[in-house]
Amino acid sequence: MMKKKHPKNQANFENDHLLLKKAIASKNYKHLLKLIKRCTHIFLLGNGGLMDISSHAAADLSRLVPGKSFRAFNDAGFLTSNANDWGFENSFTKWLQTTVDGIEIPATTLILGLSCSGNSANIVSSLGWSKEKGFLTFLIDGVKSTKLPKGIGELTFGCKYFHTNEVLTMKLVYDIVHKLGHHCPTIAAEAKRKSQPEKKIQMFDSLGSMTLSPVLTKMNRSGFKLKNVR
């Protein structure tokens, strides 16, 4: 039987649903879920399109998974200045040194790298540094890494194209939400929620009224506390 050729006028996503299904069923993915459940702080690292995906993932995971802090590095000024001063392969390591090096319990912090090739120099270098410091480490990639230090977890999609890896990574993020016992809201449900009148929290009664939307109370997840002040 001849193999059906992919249409030239369509982007080839390599049957990404099958690649995702295989990844989700793997032991390595189950290991990643255990690490995320164990940790309270998760830092995501990625280059190019995967930097944008890491930022998007951190925002949605923080919003949809309570009790955990997800952060991504997307400060172009910091990245370029450190790449210029210390070399590109140390750019993420320098960021981690300013953010996680003072964490008292490294074993509850996960450094999660994203890479298409599996060999991105600054990702591999930062994971190696993190492991030496006692942090938990993991890499999600499109092709199995040949440079990853021993002892670092890895989930490989086994895809051919950069865009396939990026799409699969984003899909995996939302599966993580569900595997952690939460859910992704539907567009219709969000539209209905936004159409409902919101109750206001009144603060500073004696100083003039100041009201805050209940949405802001979600900031409690980040350590902020809102209460009535009289």
Protein backbone atom coordinates (compact mmCIF):
# COMPACT_ATOMS: atom_id res chain seq x y z
CA MET A 1 0.00 0.00 0.00
CA MET A 2 1.37 3.39 -0.99
CA LYS A 3 1.75 5.93 1.79
CA LYS A 4 -0.62 8.86 1.34
CA LYS A 5 1.29 12.06 0.65
CA HIS A 6 0.56 15.18 2.63
CA PRO A 7 -1.18 17.91 0.57
CA LYS A 8 1.35 20.59 -0.44
CA ASN A 9 -1.13 23.42 0.20
CA GLN A 10 -1.60 22.50 3.87
CA ALA A 11 0.71 22.80 6.86
CA ASN A 12 1.94 19.39 7.99
CA PHE A 13 1.31 18.82 11.70
CA GLU A 14 2.47 15.19 11.47
CA ASN A 15 -0.73 13.73 12.93
CA ASP A 16 -0.01 15.70 16.08
CA HIS A 17 -2.98 14.16 17.89
CA LEU A 18 -1.27 10.77 17.68
CA LEU A 19 2.06 12.18 18.84
CA LEU A 20 0.30 13.85 21.77
CA LYS A 21 -1.54 10.64 22.66
CA LYS A 22 1.75 8.74 22.72
CA ALA A 23 3.44 11.41 24.85
CA ILE A 24 0.58 11.51 27.38
CA ALA A 25 0.70 7.72 27.76
CA SER A 26 4.44 7.68 28.43
CA LYS A 27 6.18 7.05 31.76
CA ASN A 28 8.16 10.24 31.29
CA TYR A 29 4.98 12.32 31.20
CA LYS A 30 3.71 10.66 34.35
CA HIS A 31 7.05 11.55 35.95
CA LEU A 32 6.64 15.19 34.88
CA LEU A 33 3.17 15.32 36.44
CA LYS A 34 4.58 13.98 39.73
CA LEU A 35 7.21 16.72 39.73
CA ILE A 36 4.65 19.45 39.09
CA LYS A 37 2.35 18.13 41.82
CA ARG A 38 5.28 18.09 44.22
CA CYS A 39 6.42 21.64 43.47
CA THR A 40 5.08 25.03 44.49
CA HIS A 41 7.31 27.02 42.11
CA ILE A 42 7.73 26.14 38.43
CA PHE A 43 9.98 28.15 36.10
CA LEU A 44 9.63 27.71 32.32
CA LEU A 45 12.42 28.43 29.84
CA GLY A 46 12.24 28.60 26.04
CA ASN A 47 13.78 30.31 23.01
CA GLY A 48 12.02 32.02 20.11
CA GLY A 49 8.47 30.75 19.67
CA LEU A 50 8.90 28.54 22.72
CA MET A 51 9.67 31.64 24.79
CA ASP A 52 6.25 32.99 23.86
CA ILE A 53 4.69 29.61 24.59
CA SER A 54 6.43 29.44 27.97
CA SER A 55 4.98 32.87 28.82
CA HIS A 56 1.49 31.85 27.65
CA ALA A 57 1.75 28.56 29.54
CA ALA A 58 2.89 30.24 32.76
CA ALA A 59 0.00 32.71 32.58
CA ASP A 60 -2.68 30.06 32.01
CA LEU A 61 -1.26 27.53 34.46
CA SER A 62 -1.10 30.21 37.17
CA ARG A 63 -4.67 31.18 36.38
CA LEU A 64 -6.10 27.66 36.17
CA VAL A 65 -4.03 25.77 38.77
CA PRO A 66 -4.36 27.33 42.25
CA GLY A 67 -1.69 26.98 44.91
CA LYS A 68 1.27 27.00 42.52
CA SER A 69 3.44 29.73 41.04
CA PHE A 70 4.38 29.42 37.36
CA ARG A 71 6.87 31.91 35.93
CA ALA A 72 8.44 32.39 32.51
CA PHE A 73 11.41 34.46 31.44
CA ASN A 74 10.61 36.96 28.67
CA ASP A 75 12.57 40.07 29.62
CA ALA A 76 14.39 40.94 26.39
CA GLY A 77 16.59 43.56 28.07
CA PHE A 78 17.83 41.19 30.75
CA LEU A 79 18.30 38.37 28.26
CA THR A 80 20.30 40.36 25.71
CA SER A 81 22.47 42.17 28.26
CA ASN A 82 23.46 38.92 29.96
CA ALA A 83 23.97 37.16 26.65
CA ASN A 84 26.28 40.01 25.67
CA ASP A 85 28.18 40.01 28.99
CA TRP A 86 28.28 36.30 29.82
CA GLY A 87 27.56 34.46 26.56
CA PHE A 88 24.28 33.20 25.12
CA GLU A 89 24.49 29.78 26.74
CA ASN A 90 24.52 31.42 30.20
CA SER A 91 21.62 33.81 29.57
CA PHE A 92 18.97 31.73 31.33
CA THR A 93 21.33 30.61 34.07
CA LYS A 94 21.94 34.25 34.99
CA TRP A 95 18.19 34.83 35.26
CA LEU A 96 17.78 31.77 37.47
CA GLN A 97 20.60 32.97 39.70
CA THR A 98 18.62 36.14 40.40
CA THR A 99 15.28 34.39 40.96
CA VAL A 100 15.67 30.89 42.41
CA ASP A 101 19.12 30.82 44.00
CA GLY A 102 17.73 32.06 47.32
CA ILE A 103 14.87 29.55 47.56
CA GLU A 104 15.24 27.67 50.83
CA ILE A 105 13.79 24.35 49.63
CA PRO A 106 15.09 23.64 46.10
CA ALA A 107 13.30 20.26 46.05
CA THR A 108 9.94 22.04 45.74
CA THR A 109 11.02 24.07 42.72
CA LEU A 110 10.95 22.75 39.14
CA ILE A 111 12.97 24.21 36.27
CA LEU A 112 11.16 23.18 33.08
CA GLY A 113 12.99 23.67 29.80
CA LEU A 114 11.36 23.74 26.35
CA SER A 115 13.38 23.01 23.22
CA CYS A 116 12.64 21.83 19.69
CA SER A 117 16.07 20.28 19.06
CA GLY A 118 16.63 19.17 22.65
CA ASN A 119 20.09 20.70 22.45
CA SER A 120 19.47 24.44 22.91
CA ALA A 121 22.69 25.57 24.58
CA ASN A 122 21.18 28.02 27.06
CA ILE A 123 18.38 25.62 28.03
CA VAL A 124 20.69 22.63 28.56
CA SER A 125 23.19 24.79 30.46
CA SER A 126 20.53 26.21 32.80
CA LEU A 127 19.09 22.76 33.52
CA GLY A 128 22.57 21.49 34.37
CA TRP A 129 23.17 24.41 36.74
CA SER A 130 19.76 23.92 38.35
CA LYS A 131 20.36 20.22 38.94
CA GLU A 132 23.70 20.95 40.61
CA LYS A 133 21.92 23.40 42.93
CA GLY A 134 19.39 20.76 43.97
CA PHE A 135 16.39 21.97 41.96
CA LEU A 136 14.14 19.53 40.13
CA THR A 137 14.67 19.63 36.37
CA PHE A 138 12.87 18.46 33.23
CA LEU A 139 13.05 19.03 29.47
CA ILE A 140 10.23 18.86 26.91
CA ASP A 141 11.57 18.61 23.36
CA GLY A 142 10.73 17.67 19.79
CA VAL A 143 13.83 15.54 19.21
CA LYS A 144 15.66 13.62 21.92
CA SER A 145 18.58 15.57 23.34
CA THR A 146 22.15 14.39 22.84
CA LYS A 147 23.59 16.94 25.29
CA LEU A 148 21.29 16.76 28.32
CA PRO A 149 23.17 16.00 31.56
CA LYS A 150 22.34 12.67 33.18
CA GLY A 151 19.59 12.62 35.77
CA ILE A 152 17.38 15.22 34.09
CA GLY A 153 13.90 14.08 33.05
CA GLU A 154 12.93 14.34 29.39
CA LEU A 155 9.75 14.02 27.34
CA THR A 156 10.32 13.84 23.58
CA PHE A 157 7.48 14.22 21.06
CA GLY A 158 9.50 12.76 18.19
CA CYS A 159 8.38 15.29 15.58
CA LYS A 160 9.97 16.68 12.42
CA TYR A 161 8.89 20.32 12.35
CA PHE A 162 9.42 23.21 14.76
CA HIS A 163 5.78 24.27 14.51
CA THR A 164 4.57 20.77 15.38
CA ASN A 165 6.66 20.77 18.54
CA GLU A 166 5.33 24.21 19.52
CA VAL A 167 1.69 23.19 18.97
CA LEU A 168 2.20 19.93 20.91
CA THR A 169 3.82 21.78 23.81
CA MET A 170 0.85 24.13 24.10
CA LYS A 171 -1.61 21.21 23.93
CA LEU A 172 0.33 19.42 26.65
CA VAL A 173 -0.01 22.44 28.92
CA TYR A 174 -3.80 22.16 28.91
CA ASP A 175 -3.66 18.43 29.49
CA ILE A 176 -1.54 19.18 32.57
CA VAL A 177 -4.32 21.45 33.83
CA HIS A 178 -6.79 18.57 33.64
CA LYS A 179 -4.38 15.96 34.99
CA LEU A 180 -3.88 18.15 38.06
CA GLY A 181 -7.63 17.98 38.72
CA HIS A 182 -8.71 21.32 37.23
CA HIS A 183 -10.35 22.32 33.96
CA CYS A 184 -10.10 24.80 31.11
CA PRO A 185 -13.15 27.08 30.80
CA THR A 186 -15.18 27.06 27.62
CA ILE A 187 -15.68 30.25 25.61
CA ALA A 188 -19.44 30.08 26.26
CA ALA A 189 -18.97 29.61 30.02
CA GLU A 190 -16.64 32.61 30.22
CA ALA A 191 -19.07 34.77 28.23
CA LYS A 192 -21.87 33.80 30.63
CA ARG A 193 -19.70 34.53 33.69
CA LYS A 194 -18.73 37.95 32.40
CA SER A 195 -22.35 38.82 31.69
CA GLN A 196 -23.31 38.32 35.35
CA PRO A 197 -23.28 41.40 37.65
CA GLU A 198 -20.29 41.35 39.97
CA LYS A 199 -20.55 42.00 43.68
CA LYS A 200 -18.18 44.68 44.89
CA ILE A 201 -15.92 44.64 47.91
CA GLN A 202 -16.11 48.03 49.59
CA MET A 203 -12.97 49.30 51.26
CA PHE A 204 -11.97 52.45 53.11
CA ASP A 205 -15.57 53.34 54.06
CA SER A 206 -14.60 56.30 56.20
CA LEU A 207 -12.11 57.63 53.65
CA GLY A 208 -14.36 57.61 50.64
CA SER A 209 -15.55 54.53 48.82
CA MET A 210 -13.10 52.35 46.95
CA THR A 211 -14.39 49.19 45.34
CA LEU A 212 -12.54 46.16 44.08
CA SER A 213 -13.81 43.47 41.74
CA PRO A 214 -13.94 39.93 43.14
CA VAL A 215 -11.54 38.99 40.36
CA LEU A 216 -8.80 40.70 42.35
CA THR A 217 -9.35 38.35 45.27
CA LYS A 218 -7.71 35.71 43.12
CA MET A 219 -4.46 37.50 43.84
CA ASN A 220 -4.52 35.56 47.10
CA ARG A 221 -2.90 32.78 45.11
CA SER A 222 0.17 34.94 44.77
CA GLY A 223 0.32 35.78 48.45
CA PHE A 224 -1.71 39.00 48.54
CA LYS A 225 -4.61 39.34 50.96
CA LEU A 226 -7.59 41.61 50.47
CA LYS A 227 -9.92 42.48 53.30
CA ASN A 228 -12.33 45.22 54.30
CA VAL A 229 -10.71 48.19 55.96
CA ARG A 230 -12.81 50.42 58.22
